[in-house]
Amino acid sequence: MHYYLGNSYFKNAIPTLGYKVPFADVLRRYWVRQYGSIQEYYATDKTALRNYLCGKIDEIIELQN
């Protein structure tokens, strides 16, 4: 089963039938260092984030919301 963690409309919500469905209460914010750069991601936990990302992950840091 594949999970889609991103969309082009919102950072912490998904568009469904024209409505914005927020997931801010269950998503956590992470910084991921991979290939010499740092990116920000929203995920439910580190395991889900690791399953989504491809390649070598140097470090994952959970940020306070």
C-alpha atoms as a PDB file:
ATOM      1  CA  MET A   1       0.000   0.000   0.000  1.00  0.00           C
ATOM      2  CA  HIS A   2       1.435   3.371  -0.994  1.00  0.00           C
ATOM      3  CA  TYR A   3       0.703   6.558   0.879  1.00  0.00           C
ATOM      4  CA  TYR A   4       0.607   9.929  -0.853  1.00  0.00           C
ATOM      5  CA  LEU A   5       2.130  12.458   1.558  1.00  0.00           C
ATOM      6  CA  GLY A   6       2.081  15.562  -0.605  1.00  0.00           C
ATOM      7  CA  ASN A   7      -0.108  17.590  -2.913  1.00  0.00           C
ATOM      8  CA  SER A   8       0.228  20.877  -4.750  1.00  0.00           C
ATOM      9  CA  TYR A   9      -2.498  22.711  -2.794  1.00  0.00           C
ATOM     10  CA  PHE A  10      -1.809  22.433   0.942  1.00  0.00           C
ATOM     11  CA  LYS A  11       1.050  21.397   3.238  1.00  0.00           C
ATOM     12  CA  ASN A  12      -1.003  19.745   5.976  1.00  0.00           C
ATOM     13  CA  ALA A  13      -4.356  19.012   4.317  1.00  0.00           C
ATOM     14  CA  ILE A  14      -5.746  17.320   1.228  1.00  0.00           C
ATOM     15  CA  PRO A  15      -8.448  18.496  -1.174  1.00  0.00           C
ATOM     16  CA  THR A  16     -11.425  16.118  -1.266  1.00  0.00           C
ATOM     17  CA  LEU A  17     -14.457  16.848  -3.438  1.00  0.00           C
ATOM     18  CA  GLY A  18     -13.769  20.584  -3.262  1.00  0.00           C
ATOM     19  CA  TYR A  19     -13.297  20.689   0.512  1.00  0.00           C
ATOM     20  CA  LYS A  20     -10.077  21.145   2.464  1.00  0.00           C
ATOM     21  CA  VAL A  21      -9.634  18.225   4.876  1.00  0.00           C
ATOM     22  CA  PRO A  22      -7.034  19.256   7.508  1.00  0.00           C
ATOM     23  CA  PHE A  23      -4.759  16.721   9.159  1.00  0.00           C
ATOM     24  CA  ALA A  24      -2.790  19.171  11.296  1.00  0.00           C
ATOM     25  CA  ASP A  25      -3.765  17.405  14.515  1.00  0.00           C
ATOM     26  CA  VAL A  26      -2.206  14.060  13.414  1.00  0.00           C
ATOM     27  CA  LEU A  27       0.719  15.225  11.248  1.00  0.00           C
ATOM     28  CA  ARG A  28       4.096  16.037  12.717  1.00  0.00           C
ATOM     29  CA  ARG A  29       6.711  18.298  11.131  1.00  0.00           C
ATOM     30  CA  TYR A  30      10.150  16.870  10.292  1.00  0.00           C
ATOM     31  CA  TRP A  31      13.395  18.120   8.805  1.00  0.00           C
ATOM     32  CA  VAL A  32      15.153  15.491   6.715  1.00  0.00           C
ATOM     33  CA  ARG A  33      18.803  15.738   5.727  1.00  0.00           C
ATOM     34  CA  GLN A  34      19.366  13.776   2.555  1.00  0.00           C
ATOM     35  CA  TYR A  35      22.077  14.147  -0.095  1.00  0.00           C
ATOM     36  CA  GLY A  36      23.515  17.273   1.544  1.00  0.00           C
ATOM     37  CA  SER A  37      20.264  19.273   1.666  1.00  0.00           C
ATOM     38  CA  ILE A  38      17.533  19.720   4.269  1.00  0.00           C
ATOM     39  CA  GLN A  39      13.842  19.469   3.361  1.00  0.00           C
ATOM     40  CA  GLU A  40      10.727  19.918   5.488  1.00  0.00           C
ATOM     41  CA  TYR A  41       8.084  17.170   5.474  1.00  0.00           C
ATOM     42  CA  TYR A  42       4.817  16.463   7.291  1.00  0.00           C
ATOM     43  CA  ALA A  43       4.126  12.848   8.281  1.00  0.00           C
ATOM     44  CA  THR A  44       2.381  10.813  10.956  1.00  0.00           C
ATOM     45  CA  ASP A  45       5.636   9.299  12.237  1.00  0.00           C
ATOM     46  CA  LYS A  46       9.252   8.633  11.233  1.00  0.00           C
ATOM     47  CA  THR A  47       8.455   5.164   9.902  1.00  0.00           C
ATOM     48  CA  ALA A  48       5.901   6.514   7.427  1.00  0.00           C
ATOM     49  CA  LEU A  49       8.366   9.197   6.347  1.00  0.00           C
ATOM     50  CA  ARG A  50      11.148   6.651   5.803  1.00  0.00           C
ATOM     51  CA  ASN A  51       8.790   4.503   3.707  1.00  0.00           C
ATOM     52  CA  TYR A  52       7.890   7.506   1.542  1.00  0.00           C
ATOM     53  CA  LEU A  53      11.452   8.715   0.918  1.00  0.00           C
ATOM     54  CA  CYS A  54      13.837   6.964  -1.449  1.00  0.00           C
ATOM     55  CA  GLY A  55      17.593   6.679  -1.048  1.00  0.00           C
ATOM     56  CA  LYS A  56      19.946   7.232   1.863  1.00  0.00           C
ATOM     57  CA  ILE A  57      18.598   9.357   4.715  1.00  0.00           C
ATOM     58  CA  ASP A  58      21.298  11.008   6.821  1.00  0.00           C
ATOM     59  CA  GLU A  59      19.109  12.359   9.625  1.00  0.00           C
ATOM     60  CA  ILE A  60      15.465  12.971  10.565  1.00  0.00           C
ATOM     61  CA  ILE A  61      14.653  15.634  13.168  1.00  0.00           C
ATOM     62  CA  GLU A  62      11.151  16.114  14.582  1.00  0.00           C
ATOM     63  CA  LEU A  63      10.255  19.783  15.088  1.00  0.00           C
ATOM     64  CA  GLN A  64       7.857  21.209  17.638  1.00  0.00           C
ATOM     65  CA  ASN A  65       4.631  22.498  16.043  1.00  0.00           C
END
